[in-house]
Amino acid sequence: MEVLYHQSQRLLIESQNLLPRLETATTGEEVKLIEESFTRSIGEITNNCEKLNIMVNKELPARRREARLRVEQLKQDRTLLINSFQALQKRREMRLKEHSDRELLLNHRFTSNRDTTLYIDQSLAHHTSMQNANHGLDDLLGAGSAILDNLRSQRTSLKGAHKRLLDLANTLGLSNTVMRFIEKRTSQDRYILYGGMFLVSLLIIAIFYYL
């Protein structure tokens, strides 16, 4: 057990010595070698800890408590070392990203004032066109609504006129032929009125659908 414990301590020290090397590594290949060496050492330490756990149970009761504490301390040192290595990796990645972003910013070519002005003019023209289209649509809808109101008003007027004509015809005693002519003309006017209302409604629906 003592041999395995001291071997694990040696691996911990070797792994700890990799931390400053990772901090100062300048090439991706060097970083890769350091990470592989660290992973290999940590794997050996983990295996040793599992073996040491078994050996602790075989120790004499008088030495078992002390041996278990040493193994637990070894596990804690291993966990602390892993966390430190991962923190260095993240810090290195952030440093590389900051360097890359800085280079990208320095090498970025901004568009000329002329191009920017042209883009703004196009945006303003598009916005103005949309405003004009909205105003035109509002005017058209308003006109359609006015037409419908006018048709409804005419329908009411025609109904009143039809009733008055019938009353007048009855009063004057007009013939049945004249009465049928009046009713036929009234029916035709009613169909024209309904047809106009239907066409205006279709026009408004088409405007909403296509715009």
C-alpha atoms as a PDB file:
ATOM      1  CA  MET A   1       0.000   0.000   0.000  1.00  0.00           C
ATOM      2  CA  GLU A   2       2.817   2.406   0.811  1.00  0.00           C
ATOM      3  CA  VAL A   3       4.395   1.908  -2.607  1.00  0.00           C
ATOM      4  CA  LEU A   4       1.120   2.611  -4.424  1.00  0.00           C
ATOM      5  CA  TYR A   5       0.424   5.635  -2.235  1.00  0.00           C
ATOM      6  CA  HIS A   6       3.819   7.216  -2.898  1.00  0.00           C
ATOM      7  CA  GLN A   7       3.468   6.473  -6.605  1.00  0.00           C
ATOM      8  CA  SER A   8       0.178   8.393  -6.600  1.00  0.00           C
ATOM      9  CA  GLN A   9       1.816  11.295  -4.754  1.00  0.00           C
ATOM     10  CA  ARG A  10       4.525  11.417  -7.407  1.00  0.00           C
ATOM     11  CA  LEU A  11       1.904  11.485 -10.176  1.00  0.00           C
ATOM     12  CA  LEU A  12       0.139  14.351  -8.402  1.00  0.00           C
ATOM     13  CA  ILE A  13       3.346  16.383  -8.342  1.00  0.00           C
ATOM     14  CA  GLU A  14       4.026  15.666 -12.014  1.00  0.00           C
ATOM     15  CA  SER A  15       0.491  16.687 -12.938  1.00  0.00           C
ATOM     16  CA  GLN A  16       0.779  19.868 -10.889  1.00  0.00           C
ATOM     17  CA  ASN A  17       3.955  20.795 -12.757  1.00  0.00           C
ATOM     18  CA  LEU A  18       1.951  20.740 -15.993  1.00  0.00           C
ATOM     19  CA  LEU A  19      -0.162  23.719 -14.893  1.00  0.00           C
ATOM     20  CA  PRO A  20       2.435  26.473 -15.500  1.00  0.00           C
ATOM     21  CA  ARG A  21       3.397  24.788 -18.774  1.00  0.00           C
ATOM     22  CA  LEU A  22      -0.213  25.001 -19.944  1.00  0.00           C
ATOM     23  CA  GLU A  23      -0.317  28.664 -18.937  1.00  0.00           C
ATOM     24  CA  THR A  24       2.719  29.551 -21.055  1.00  0.00           C
ATOM     25  CA  ALA A  25       2.156  27.191 -24.015  1.00  0.00           C
ATOM     26  CA  THR A  26       2.347  29.035 -27.335  1.00  0.00           C
ATOM     27  CA  THR A  27       1.274  26.416 -29.882  1.00  0.00           C
ATOM     28  CA  GLY A  28      -1.725  24.173 -30.228  1.00  0.00           C
ATOM     29  CA  GLU A  29       0.496  21.103 -30.503  1.00  0.00           C
ATOM     30  CA  GLU A  30       2.169  21.905 -27.195  1.00  0.00           C
ATOM     31  CA  VAL A  31      -1.205  22.368 -25.507  1.00  0.00           C
ATOM     32  CA  LYS A  32      -2.395  19.042 -26.886  1.00  0.00           C
ATOM     33  CA  LEU A  33       0.641  17.180 -25.496  1.00  0.00           C
ATOM     34  CA  ILE A  34       0.208  18.767 -22.067  1.00  0.00           C
ATOM     35  CA  GLU A  35      -3.495  17.880 -21.950  1.00  0.00           C
ATOM     36  CA  GLU A  36      -2.813  14.278 -22.964  1.00  0.00           C
ATOM     37  CA  SER A  37      -0.094  13.908 -20.318  1.00  0.00           C
ATOM     38  CA  PHE A  38      -2.335  15.406 -17.634  1.00  0.00           C
ATOM     39  CA  THR A  39      -5.267  13.165 -18.559  1.00  0.00           C
ATOM     40  CA  ARG A  40      -3.050  10.093 -18.468  1.00  0.00           C
ATOM     41  CA  SER A  41      -1.628  10.942 -15.031  1.00  0.00           C
ATOM     42  CA  ILE A  42      -5.062  11.689 -13.568  1.00  0.00           C
ATOM     43  CA  GLY A  43      -6.327   8.372 -14.924  1.00  0.00           C
ATOM     44  CA  GLU A  44      -3.508   6.507 -13.168  1.00  0.00           C
ATOM     45  CA  ILE A  45      -4.169   8.344  -9.912  1.00  0.00           C
ATOM     46  CA  THR A  46      -7.864   7.449 -10.113  1.00  0.00           C
ATOM     47  CA  ASN A  47      -7.064   3.779 -10.625  1.00  0.00           C
ATOM     48  CA  ASN A  48      -4.617   3.871  -7.719  1.00  0.00           C
ATOM     49  CA  CYS A  49      -7.259   5.396  -5.449  1.00  0.00           C
ATOM     50  CA  GLU A  50      -9.634   2.543  -6.240  1.00  0.00           C
ATOM     51  CA  LYS A  51      -6.936   0.000  -5.405  1.00  0.00           C
ATOM     52  CA  LEU A  52      -6.018   1.860  -2.223  1.00  0.00           C
ATOM     53  CA  ASN A  53      -9.654   1.743  -1.073  1.00  0.00           C
ATOM     54  CA  ILE A  54      -9.514  -2.031  -1.250  1.00  0.00           C
ATOM     55  CA  MET A  55      -6.166  -2.158   0.554  1.00  0.00           C
ATOM     56  CA  VAL A  56      -7.425   0.067   3.379  1.00  0.00           C
ATOM     57  CA  ASN A  57     -10.015  -2.512   4.337  1.00  0.00           C
ATOM     58  CA  LYS A  58      -7.236  -5.091   4.668  1.00  0.00           C
ATOM     59  CA  GLU A  59      -5.167  -2.964   7.047  1.00  0.00           C
ATOM     60  CA  LEU A  60      -5.015  -3.670  10.755  1.00  0.00           C
ATOM     61  CA  PRO A  61      -7.722  -1.844  12.721  1.00  0.00           C
ATOM     62  CA  ALA A  62      -5.097   0.320  14.431  1.00  0.00           C
ATOM     63  CA  ARG A  63      -3.796   1.616  11.102  1.00  0.00           C
ATOM     64  CA  ARG A  64      -7.025   1.532   9.098  1.00  0.00           C
ATOM     65  CA  ARG A  65      -8.292   4.983  10.131  1.00  0.00           C
ATOM     66  CA  GLU A  66      -5.011   6.715   9.314  1.00  0.00           C
ATOM     67  CA  ALA A  67      -4.727   4.884   5.988  1.00  0.00           C
ATOM     68  CA  ARG A  68      -8.273   5.858   5.018  1.00  0.00           C
ATOM     69  CA  LEU A  69      -7.572   9.525   5.798  1.00  0.00           C
ATOM     70  CA  ARG A  70      -4.485   9.453   3.580  1.00  0.00           C
ATOM     71  CA  VAL A  71      -6.482   7.980   0.686  1.00  0.00           C
ATOM     72  CA  GLU A  72      -9.258  10.566   1.130  1.00  0.00           C
ATOM     73  CA  GLN A  73      -6.658  13.340   1.115  1.00  0.00           C
ATOM     74  CA  LEU A  74      -5.227  11.896  -2.080  1.00  0.00           C
ATOM     75  CA  LYS A  75      -8.679  11.993  -3.694  1.00  0.00           C
ATOM     76  CA  GLN A  76      -9.208  15.601  -2.620  1.00  0.00           C
ATOM     77  CA  ASP A  77      -5.827  16.623  -4.037  1.00  0.00           C
ATOM     78  CA  ARG A  78      -6.725  14.916  -7.299  1.00  0.00           C
ATOM     79  CA  THR A  79     -10.082  16.769  -7.502  1.00  0.00           C
ATOM     80  CA  LEU A  80      -8.418  20.108  -6.698  1.00  0.00           C
ATOM     81  CA  LEU A  81      -5.816  19.511  -9.378  1.00  0.00           C
ATOM     82  CA  ILE A  82      -8.465  18.686 -11.988  1.00  0.00           C
ATOM     83  CA  ASN A  83     -10.419  21.854 -11.159  1.00  0.00           C
ATOM     84  CA  SER A  84      -7.261  23.984 -11.411  1.00  0.00           C
ATOM     85  CA  PHE A  85      -6.365  22.477 -14.781  1.00  0.00           C
ATOM     86  CA  GLN A  86      -9.874  23.052 -16.161  1.00  0.00           C
ATOM     87  CA  ALA A  87      -9.820  26.658 -14.934  1.00  0.00           C
ATOM     88  CA  LEU A  88      -6.541  27.234 -16.781  1.00  0.00           C
ATOM     89  CA  GLN A  89      -8.028  25.719 -19.932  1.00  0.00           C
ATOM     90  CA  LYS A  90     -11.023  28.053 -19.801  1.00  0.00           C
ATOM     91  CA  ARG A  91      -8.822  31.082 -19.129  1.00  0.00           C
ATOM     92  CA  ARG A  92      -6.624  30.163 -22.080  1.00  0.00           C
ATOM     93  CA  GLU A  93      -9.661  29.732 -24.350  1.00  0.00           C
ATOM     94  CA  MET A  94     -11.006  33.139 -23.295  1.00  0.00           C
ATOM     95  CA  ARG A  95      -7.633  34.747 -23.946  1.00  0.00           C
ATOM     96  CA  LEU A  96      -7.480  33.212 -27.424  1.00  0.00           C
ATOM     97  CA  LYS A  97     -11.027  34.351 -28.182  1.00  0.00           C
ATOM     98  CA  GLU A  98     -10.259  37.909 -27.065  1.00  0.00           C
ATOM     99  CA  HIS A  99      -7.186  37.934 -29.289  1.00  0.00           C
ATOM    100  CA  SER A 100      -9.208  36.619 -32.233  1.00  0.00           C
ATOM    101  CA  ASP A 101     -11.956  39.209 -31.698  1.00  0.00           C
ATOM    102  CA  ARG A 102      -9.383  41.993 -31.490  1.00  0.00           C
ATOM    103  CA  GLU A 103      -7.743  40.889 -34.743  1.00  0.00           C
ATOM    104  CA  LEU A 104     -11.121  40.664 -36.434  1.00  0.00           C
ATOM    105  CA  LEU A 105     -12.009  44.168 -35.290  1.00  0.00           C
ATOM    106  CA  LEU A 106      -8.717  45.614 -36.513  1.00  0.00           C
ATOM    107  CA  ASN A 107      -9.014  43.926 -39.906  1.00  0.00           C
ATOM    108  CA  HIS A 108     -12.657  44.774 -40.404  1.00  0.00           C
ATOM    109  CA  ARG A 109     -13.333  47.050 -43.354  1.00  0.00           C
ATOM    110  CA  PHE A 110     -16.110  49.485 -42.744  1.00  0.00           C
ATOM    111  CA  THR A 111     -18.328  50.521 -45.600  1.00  0.00           C
ATOM    112  CA  SER A 112     -17.751  53.981 -47.081  1.00  0.00           C
ATOM    113  CA  ASN A 113     -19.922  56.941 -46.245  1.00  0.00           C
ATOM    114  CA  ARG A 114     -21.331  56.824 -49.767  1.00  0.00           C
ATOM    115  CA  ASP A 115     -22.481  53.234 -49.373  1.00  0.00           C
ATOM    116  CA  THR A 116     -23.948  53.996 -45.958  1.00  0.00           C
ATOM    117  CA  THR A 117     -25.792  57.034 -47.310  1.00  0.00           C
ATOM    118  CA  LEU A 118     -27.130  54.997 -50.225  1.00  0.00           C
ATOM    119  CA  TYR A 119     -28.378  52.317 -47.852  1.00  0.00           C
ATOM    120  CA  ILE A 120     -30.086  54.912 -45.641  1.00  0.00           C
ATOM    121  CA  ASP A 121     -31.692  56.566 -48.697  1.00  0.00           C
ATOM    122  CA  GLN A 122     -33.018  53.219 -49.884  1.00  0.00           C
ATOM    123  CA  SER A 123     -34.434  52.488 -46.442  1.00  0.00           C
ATOM    124  CA  LEU A 124     -36.120  55.898 -46.297  1.00  0.00           C
ATOM    125  CA  ALA A 125     -37.547  55.440 -49.787  1.00  0.00           C
ATOM    126  CA  HIS A 126     -38.940  52.039 -48.846  1.00  0.00           C
ATOM    127  CA  HIS A 127     -40.433  53.458 -45.650  1.00  0.00           C
ATOM    128  CA  THR A 128     -42.025  56.350 -47.554  1.00  0.00           C
ATOM    129  CA  SER A 129     -43.441  53.961 -50.152  1.00  0.00           C
ATOM    130  CA  MET A 130     -44.986  51.813 -47.425  1.00  0.00           C
ATOM    131  CA  GLN A 131     -46.517  54.892 -45.802  1.00  0.00           C
ATOM    132  CA  ASN A 132     -48.006  56.005 -49.118  1.00  0.00           C
ATOM    133  CA  ALA A 133     -49.406  52.521 -49.715  1.00  0.00           C
ATOM    134  CA  ASN A 134     -50.985  52.521 -46.259  1.00  0.00           C
ATOM    135  CA  HIS A 135     -52.528  55.952 -46.843  1.00  0.00           C
ATOM    136  CA  GLY A 136     -53.849  54.837 -50.233  1.00  0.00           C
ATOM    137  CA  LEU A 137     -55.343  51.716 -48.688  1.00  0.00           C
ATOM    138  CA  ASP A 138     -57.011  53.770 -45.962  1.00  0.00           C
ATOM    139  CA  ASP A 139     -58.477  56.114 -48.590  1.00  0.00           C
ATOM    140  CA  LEU A 140     -59.724  53.200 -50.686  1.00  0.00           C
ATOM    141  CA  LEU A 141     -61.311  51.500 -47.690  1.00  0.00           C
ATOM    142  CA  GLY A 142     -62.918  54.770 -46.702  1.00  0.00           C
ATOM    143  CA  ALA A 143     -64.316  55.201 -50.201  1.00  0.00           C
ATOM    144  CA  GLY A 144     -65.649  51.626 -50.193  1.00  0.00           C
ATOM    145  CA  SER A 145     -67.312  52.186 -46.846  1.00  0.00           C
ATOM    146  CA  ALA A 146     -68.898  55.385 -48.142  1.00  0.00           C
ATOM    147  CA  ILE A 147     -70.174  53.541 -51.237  1.00  0.00           C
ATOM    148  CA  LEU A 148     -71.749  50.835 -49.092  1.00  0.00           C
ATOM    149  CA  ASP A 149     -73.398  53.443 -46.891  1.00  0.00           C
ATOM    150  CA  ASN A 150     -74.683  55.219 -50.006  1.00  0.00           C
ATOM    151  CA  LEU A 151     -76.060  51.959 -51.431  1.00  0.00           C
ATOM    152  CA  ARG A 152     -77.820  51.190 -48.156  1.00  0.00           C
ATOM    153  CA  SER A 153     -79.293  54.684 -48.186  1.00  0.00           C
ATOM    154  CA  GLN A 154     -80.483  54.230 -51.786  1.00  0.00           C
ATOM    155  CA  ARG A 155     -82.016  50.893 -50.882  1.00  0.00           C
ATOM    156  CA  THR A 156     -84.002  52.529 -48.105  1.00  0.00           C
ATOM    157  CA  SER A 157     -85.047  55.338 -50.438  1.00  0.00           C
ATOM    158  CA  LEU A 158     -86.115  52.856 -53.147  1.00  0.00           C
ATOM    159  CA  LYS A 159     -88.193  50.924 -50.656  1.00  0.00           C
ATOM    160  CA  GLY A 160     -89.924  54.128 -49.617  1.00  0.00           C
ATOM    161  CA  ALA A 161     -90.430  55.236 -53.208  1.00  0.00           C
ATOM    162  CA  HIS A 162     -91.800  51.819 -54.163  1.00  0.00           C
ATOM    163  CA  LYS A 163     -94.307  51.907 -51.357  1.00  0.00           C
ATOM    164  CA  ARG A 164     -95.377  55.432 -52.264  1.00  0.00           C
ATOM    165  CA  LEU A 165     -95.799  54.444 -55.932  1.00  0.00           C
ATOM    166  CA  LEU A 166     -97.961  51.490 -55.008  1.00  0.00           C
ATOM    167  CA  ASP A 167    -100.088  53.648 -52.750  1.00  0.00           C
ATOM    168  CA  LEU A 168    -100.405  56.266 -55.466  1.00  0.00           C
ATOM    169  CA  ALA A 169    -101.244  53.648 -58.078  1.00  0.00           C
ATOM    170  CA  ASN A 170    -103.934  52.176 -55.901  1.00  0.00           C
ATOM    171  CA  THR A 171    -105.298  55.624 -55.277  1.00  0.00           C
ATOM    172  CA  LEU A 172    -105.369  56.469 -58.995  1.00  0.00           C
ATOM    173  CA  GLY A 173    -106.675  53.036 -59.931  1.00  0.00           C
ATOM    174  CA  LEU A 174    -103.910  52.214 -62.433  1.00  0.00           C
ATOM    175  CA  SER A 175    -104.130  49.024 -64.422  1.00  0.00           C
ATOM    176  CA  ASN A 176    -102.469  45.753 -63.441  1.00  0.00           C
ATOM    177  CA  THR A 177    -100.033  46.087 -66.368  1.00  0.00           C
ATOM    178  CA  VAL A 178     -98.721  49.382 -65.061  1.00  0.00           C
ATOM    179  CA  MET A 179     -98.459  47.928 -61.575  1.00  0.00           C
ATOM    180  CA  ARG A 180     -96.461  44.927 -62.825  1.00  0.00           C
ATOM    181  CA  PHE A 181     -94.147  47.256 -64.748  1.00  0.00           C
ATOM    182  CA  ILE A 182     -93.468  49.273 -61.626  1.00  0.00           C
ATOM    183  CA  GLU A 183     -92.760  46.128 -59.584  1.00  0.00           C
ATOM    184  CA  LYS A 184     -90.467  44.748 -62.330  1.00  0.00           C
ATOM    185  CA  ARG A 185     -88.510  48.000 -62.481  1.00  0.00           C
ATOM    186  CA  THR A 186     -88.200  48.008 -58.708  1.00  0.00           C
ATOM    187  CA  SER A 187     -86.896  44.425 -58.735  1.00  0.00           C
ATOM    188  CA  GLN A 188     -84.313  45.325 -61.373  1.00  0.00           C
ATOM    189  CA  ASP A 189     -83.136  48.285 -59.306  1.00  0.00           C
ATOM    190  CA  ARG A 190     -82.889  46.014 -56.271  1.00  0.00           C
ATOM    191  CA  TYR A 191     -80.700  43.516 -58.172  1.00  0.00           C
ATOM    192  CA  ILE A 192     -78.471  46.339 -59.381  1.00  0.00           C
ATOM    193  CA  LEU A 193     -78.163  47.569 -55.806  1.00  0.00           C
ATOM    194  CA  TYR A 194     -77.254  44.110 -54.442  1.00  0.00           C
ATOM    195  CA  GLY A 195     -74.811  43.531 -57.277  1.00  0.00           C
ATOM    196  CA  GLY A 196     -73.045  46.797 -56.550  1.00  0.00           C
ATOM    197  CA  MET A 197     -72.790  46.006 -52.842  1.00  0.00           C
ATOM    198  CA  PHE A 198     -71.409  42.538 -53.647  1.00  0.00           C
ATOM    199  CA  LEU A 199     -68.745  43.908 -56.022  1.00  0.00           C
ATOM    200  CA  VAL A 200     -67.616  46.534 -53.516  1.00  0.00           C
ATOM    201  CA  SER A 201     -67.349  43.871 -50.803  1.00  0.00           C
ATOM    202  CA  LEU A 202     -65.249  41.658 -53.093  1.00  0.00           C
ATOM    203  CA  LEU A 203     -62.984  44.609 -53.868  1.00  0.00           C
ATOM    204  CA  ILE A 204     -62.370  45.329 -50.178  1.00  0.00           C
ATOM    205  CA  ILE A 205     -61.688  41.638 -49.429  1.00  0.00           C
ATOM    206  CA  ALA A 206     -59.224  41.448 -52.338  1.00  0.00           C
ATOM    207  CA  ILE A 207     -57.399  44.536 -51.059  1.00  0.00           C
ATOM    208  CA  PHE A 208     -56.988  43.004 -47.601  1.00  0.00           C
ATOM    209  CA  TYR A 209     -55.839  39.681 -49.075  1.00  0.00           C
ATOM    210  CA  TYR A 210     -53.223  40.936 -51.528  1.00  0.00           C
ATOM    211  CA  LEU A 211     -51.899  43.852 -49.476  1.00  0.00           C
END
